[in-house]
Protein backbone atom coordinates (compact mmCIF):
# COMPACT_ATOMS: atom_id res chain seq x y z
CA MET A 1 -188.90 74.39 -49.97
CA ASN A 2 -191.81 71.56 -50.23
CA LEU A 3 -192.36 71.52 -46.31
CA ARG A 4 -195.10 68.73 -47.15
CA THR A 5 -192.49 66.86 -48.86
CA TYR A 6 -189.52 66.86 -46.48
CA ILE A 7 -192.19 66.18 -43.48
CA GLN A 8 -193.09 62.86 -45.24
CA SER A 9 -189.66 61.80 -45.61
CA ARG A 10 -188.68 62.68 -42.25
CA LEU A 11 -191.40 60.43 -40.94
CA GLY A 12 -189.31 57.54 -42.31
CA SER A 13 -187.59 57.32 -39.59
CA ARG A 14 -189.43 58.70 -36.63
CA LYS A 15 -193.50 57.79 -35.44
CA ILE A 16 -193.15 62.07 -34.69
CA LEU A 17 -191.44 65.23 -35.67
CA LEU A 18 -190.41 67.84 -33.40
CA MET A 19 -190.88 71.62 -33.87
CA THR A 20 -188.94 74.07 -31.67
CA HIS A 21 -189.18 77.58 -30.75
CA VAL A 22 -186.55 80.41 -30.27
CA ILE A 23 -187.64 84.13 -29.67
CA VAL A 24 -184.75 86.16 -31.70
CA GLY A 25 -183.02 88.95 -29.07
CA TYR A 26 -183.78 86.99 -25.63
CA PRO A 27 -182.10 86.27 -23.83
CA SER A 28 -179.45 87.43 -26.63
CA LEU A 29 -178.22 87.07 -29.83
CA ASP A 30 -175.28 84.72 -28.69
CA VAL A 31 -177.80 82.92 -26.54
CA ASN A 32 -180.13 82.01 -29.66
CA TRP A 33 -177.26 80.75 -31.26
CA ARG A 34 -176.09 78.26 -29.08
CA MET A 35 -179.96 77.01 -28.74
CA LEU A 36 -179.98 76.81 -32.35
CA GLU A 37 -176.62 74.41 -32.23
CA GLN A 38 -178.25 72.29 -29.28
CA MET A 39 -181.13 71.81 -31.30
CA GLU A 40 -178.89 70.78 -34.47
CA ARG A 41 -177.04 68.01 -31.99
CA ALA A 42 -180.68 66.77 -30.79
CA ASP A 43 -181.76 66.65 -34.55
CA VAL A 44 -184.56 68.63 -34.35
CA ASP A 45 -187.02 68.97 -37.17
CA LEU A 46 -188.36 72.45 -37.40
CA VAL A 47 -187.73 75.44 -35.91
CA GLU A 48 -189.64 78.77 -36.06
CA LEU A 49 -187.84 81.97 -35.24
CA GLN A 50 -190.12 84.23 -33.81
CA MET A 51 -189.67 88.15 -34.29
CA PRO A 52 -190.46 90.12 -31.11
CA PHE A 53 -193.49 92.19 -31.19
CA SER A 54 -194.83 94.60 -28.33
CA GLU A 55 -198.45 92.82 -27.91
CA PRO A 56 -197.74 88.93 -28.73
CA ILE A 57 -201.73 88.24 -28.34
CA ALA A 58 -201.04 84.56 -28.77
CA ASP A 59 -198.24 83.97 -26.36
CA GLY A 60 -198.76 82.78 -22.43
CA PRO A 61 -196.69 84.99 -19.91
CA VAL A 62 -193.16 83.34 -20.60
CA PHE A 63 -193.12 84.56 -23.92
CA ALA A 64 -194.62 88.03 -23.90
CA ARG A 65 -191.95 88.79 -21.18
CA ALA A 66 -189.64 87.42 -23.79
CA ASN A 67 -190.36 89.39 -26.88
CA GLN A 68 -190.72 92.68 -24.15
CA GLU A 69 -187.22 91.99 -23.32
CA ALA A 70 -185.74 91.72 -26.62
CA LEU A 71 -187.01 94.87 -28.09
CA LYS A 72 -186.22 96.81 -24.79
CA GLN A 73 -182.57 95.28 -25.90
CA GLY A 74 -183.05 97.31 -28.76
CA LEU A 75 -183.50 94.05 -31.53
CA SER A 76 -184.26 95.33 -34.95
CA VAL A 77 -186.15 94.05 -37.99
CA ASP A 78 -182.53 94.07 -40.05
CA GLU A 79 -180.96 92.51 -37.26
CA TYR A 80 -183.76 89.41 -37.02
CA PHE A 81 -183.32 89.11 -40.56
CA ASP A 82 -179.74 89.44 -40.43
CA PHE A 83 -179.93 86.43 -37.52
CA MET A 84 -182.31 84.11 -40.38
CA GLY A 85 -179.92 84.39 -42.84
CA ARG A 86 -177.20 83.35 -40.70
CA ALA A 87 -179.12 80.52 -39.25
CA THR A 88 -180.68 79.32 -42.40
CA GLU A 89 -176.99 79.06 -43.98
CA ARG A 90 -175.46 77.14 -40.69
CA PHE A 91 -178.37 74.28 -39.78
CA GLY A 92 -180.18 72.31 -41.88
CA PHE A 93 -183.58 72.03 -40.39
CA PRO A 94 -186.02 74.25 -42.19
CA HIS A 95 -186.86 77.79 -40.86
CA LEU A 96 -190.26 79.28 -40.02
CA MET A 97 -190.88 82.96 -39.42
CA MET A 98 -193.10 83.00 -36.47
CA GLY A 99 -194.69 86.61 -35.54
CA TYR A 100 -197.58 89.44 -36.30
CA TYR A 101 -199.20 91.32 -38.89
CA ASN A 102 -198.15 94.05 -37.69
CA THR A 103 -194.68 94.01 -38.92
CA VAL A 104 -196.03 92.41 -42.20
CA PHE A 105 -197.74 95.33 -42.45
CA ARG A 106 -195.30 98.12 -42.37
CA LEU A 107 -192.95 95.99 -44.53
CA THR A 108 -195.44 95.53 -47.11
CA HIS A 109 -196.41 92.05 -48.28
CA ARG A 110 -193.87 92.13 -50.82
CA THR A 111 -190.93 93.18 -49.20
CA PHE A 112 -191.69 90.37 -46.06
CA CYS A 113 -191.96 87.72 -48.67
CA GLU A 114 -188.78 88.95 -50.91
CA ARG A 115 -186.94 89.01 -47.90
CA LEU A 116 -187.81 86.29 -45.64
CA SER A 117 -187.17 84.32 -48.91
CA ARG A 118 -183.68 85.90 -49.39
CA CYS A 119 -183.18 84.80 -46.00
CA GLY A 120 -184.09 80.89 -47.08
CA ALA A 121 -186.79 80.59 -44.92
CA ALA A 122 -189.32 77.90 -45.38
CA GLY A 123 -192.46 80.14 -44.49
CA PHE A 124 -194.14 81.66 -41.93
CA ILE A 125 -196.82 82.02 -39.58
CA ILE A 126 -198.94 85.02 -38.50
CA PRO A 127 -201.41 83.76 -35.82
CA ASP A 128 -202.98 87.11 -35.77
CA LEU A 129 -204.22 86.87 -39.44
CA PRO A 130 -207.36 85.51 -40.62
CA ILE A 131 -206.98 84.12 -43.73
CA GLU A 132 -209.65 86.37 -45.70
CA GLU A 133 -207.16 88.95 -44.52
CA TYR A 134 -204.00 87.54 -47.08
CA HIS A 135 -204.85 89.24 -50.00
CA ASP A 136 -201.99 89.18 -51.93
CA LEU A 137 -200.06 87.53 -49.62
CA SER A 138 -200.48 84.32 -50.83
CA ARG A 139 -199.92 85.30 -54.12
CA LEU A 140 -196.41 86.53 -53.33
CA SER A 141 -195.91 83.42 -50.69
CA ASP A 142 -196.03 81.16 -53.71
CA GLU A 143 -193.85 83.34 -55.92
CA HIS A 144 -191.57 83.36 -53.45
CA GLY A 145 -191.53 79.87 -52.27
CA LEU A 146 -192.66 79.95 -48.80
CA ASN A 147 -195.64 78.05 -46.99
CA PRO A 148 -198.14 80.15 -44.92
CA ILE A 149 -199.01 77.99 -42.02
CA ALA A 150 -202.69 78.16 -41.49
CA LEU A 151 -203.73 77.72 -37.71
CA PHE A 152 -206.60 75.56 -36.60
CA THR A 153 -207.99 76.41 -32.96
CA PRO A 154 -210.29 74.15 -30.49
CA THR A 155 -213.30 77.23 -31.18
CA ASN A 156 -213.45 77.06 -35.15
CA SER A 157 -216.74 75.29 -36.18
CA ASP A 158 -216.07 72.14 -38.58
CA ALA A 159 -216.99 74.59 -41.38
CA ARG A 160 -214.75 77.29 -40.30
CA LEU A 161 -211.95 74.47 -40.12
CA ALA A 162 -212.70 73.17 -43.44
CA GLU A 163 -212.25 76.71 -44.86
CA ILE A 164 -208.81 76.85 -43.24
CA GLY A 165 -207.53 73.57 -44.35
CA ARG A 166 -208.32 74.26 -48.06
CA ARG A 167 -205.76 77.14 -48.04
CA GLY A 168 -203.34 74.62 -45.66
CA GLN A 169 -199.47 75.00 -47.02
CA GLY A 170 -196.83 72.89 -46.00
CA PHE A 171 -198.49 71.73 -42.44
CA VAL A 172 -201.61 73.02 -40.44
CA TYR A 173 -200.64 74.00 -36.95
CA GLY A 174 -203.38 72.96 -34.68
CA VAL A 175 -203.73 74.57 -31.35
CA ALA A 176 -204.15 71.95 -28.71
CA ARG A 177 -206.08 73.60 -26.12
CA ARG A 178 -208.26 76.97 -25.73
CA GLY A 179 -206.10 79.98 -24.57
CA VAL A 180 -202.36 81.32 -24.57
CA THR A 181 -199.08 79.26 -25.34
CA GLY A 182 -197.41 78.26 -21.89
CA LYS A 183 -199.92 76.63 -20.18
CA ARG A 184 -199.52 72.82 -19.54
CA THR A 185 -201.84 70.77 -21.72
CA ASP A 186 -204.07 67.62 -20.08
CA LEU A 187 -203.52 65.60 -22.99
CA LYS A 188 -206.08 62.98 -22.03
CA ALA A 189 -208.68 65.46 -21.84
CA GLY A 190 -210.18 65.38 -25.29
CA ILE A 191 -206.74 65.73 -27.20
CA ASP A 192 -207.42 62.54 -29.98
CA ALA A 193 -210.91 63.93 -30.59
CA LEU A 194 -209.40 67.50 -31.21
CA ALA A 195 -206.68 66.01 -33.31
CA ALA A 196 -209.49 63.87 -35.57
CA ARG A 197 -211.67 67.15 -35.99
CA TYR A 198 -208.59 69.35 -37.60
CA ARG A 199 -207.78 65.88 -39.83
CA ALA A 200 -211.01 65.91 -41.33
CA ALA A 201 -210.47 69.46 -42.18
CA SER A 202 -207.12 69.15 -44.35
CA ASP A 203 -204.78 66.63 -45.71
CA VAL A 204 -201.73 68.23 -44.96
CA PRO A 205 -199.46 67.13 -41.87
CA LEU A 206 -200.62 68.14 -38.33
CA ALA A 207 -198.91 69.63 -35.97
CA LEU A 208 -199.97 70.37 -32.09
CA GLY A 209 -199.05 73.20 -29.95
CA PHE A 210 -199.56 74.77 -26.94
CA GLY A 211 -198.74 73.40 -23.44
CA ILE A 212 -196.74 70.38 -24.89
CA ALA A 213 -193.82 70.49 -21.90
CA GLY A 214 -192.29 67.13 -21.97
CA GLY A 215 -191.18 63.98 -23.42
CA ASN A 216 -194.10 61.98 -22.10
CA ASP A 217 -196.26 64.80 -23.75
CA VAL A 218 -194.60 64.13 -27.02
CA ARG A 219 -195.42 60.20 -26.99
CA GLN A 220 -198.83 60.83 -26.13
CA LEU A 221 -199.28 62.67 -29.69
CA HIS A 222 -198.05 59.59 -31.25
CA GLY A 223 -200.70 58.84 -34.18
CA SER A 224 -202.77 61.82 -33.39
CA CYS A 225 -200.58 64.21 -35.13
CA GLU A 226 -197.13 64.57 -37.40
CA ILE A 227 -195.63 67.60 -35.56
CA ALA A 228 -195.15 68.09 -32.02
CA ILE A 229 -194.51 71.82 -30.85
CA VAL A 230 -192.55 72.19 -28.02
CA GLY A 231 -191.62 76.53 -26.85
CA SER A 232 -192.12 77.61 -23.78
CA ALA A 233 -191.04 74.93 -21.82
CA LEU A 234 -187.53 74.71 -23.45
CA LEU A 235 -187.42 78.75 -22.81
CA GLU A 236 -188.17 77.87 -19.12
CA ARG A 237 -185.75 75.47 -19.12
CA TRP A 238 -182.88 77.74 -20.15
CA GLU A 239 -183.85 80.31 -17.82
CA SER A 240 -184.26 77.83 -14.60
CA GLY A 241 -180.90 75.87 -15.35
CA GLY A 242 -179.25 77.37 -18.21
CA GLU A 243 -177.67 75.08 -21.16
CA GLU A 244 -177.30 72.16 -19.73
CA ALA A 245 -181.07 71.95 -18.24
CA TYR A 246 -182.05 72.91 -21.66
CA THR A 247 -180.01 70.33 -23.54
CA GLU A 248 -181.26 67.56 -21.04
CA LEU A 249 -185.25 68.95 -22.04
CA LEU A 250 -183.78 68.54 -25.75
CA ASP A 251 -182.39 65.17 -25.61
CA GLU A 252 -186.08 63.89 -23.59
CA LEU A 253 -187.53 65.45 -26.63
CA GLN A 254 -185.54 63.61 -28.90
CA ASN A 255 -186.45 60.50 -27.55
CA ALA A 256 -189.93 61.24 -27.41
CA ARG A 257 -189.82 60.85 -31.23
CA CYS A 258 -189.19 57.02 -32.11
């Protein structure tokens, strides 16, 4: 899938797009499916399906615990790919694999790309893999029509951002603050300047995530980026209030895009 073209087409009807997140296997595969159904109802634009890992170093406490619980319940790599395949057949939004490099390494780059492609995935996000270590993963991604999503962080120098940005495909994932996912981000504290640094480094669409928690946050990102990423806040809503509370937050986020 040409994610860049898809993103530009979706921006014709809204000021910003919304990408959400599911940790496959937590709380359960059945609950994951209900989450995706609610995302479809809210017309979510893109979805990350996270492959659980034992040491998710970019994830805060909520997601780290969810990763452990999914693994404890026995979710396998095969079950993950099966779920991805069923999801891409059923739901129209692009699906991105999010996970950590150990899993990719154990599968081998070729098998990883082949299986993702067969499942209908649009691409992948591997936050712990430096661009210098991609090696043949870049070529294999191109061969299988996958978009490797690069990450920008606030600690990157401008030179490093430019180096990463040159390899950007589909969109780039801009980390909105230092640290891990989950903690609320103060979007009044320099987010416009940070987004401007990120934009200067790449000409592909920009997504911002880490600590985006509600509709007001999404509205504050209008004009700063093309995609707002919401993950931990949605899972917290499900845990605290079930499907009804989850749906309410999705509606709030949906309304904030216009």
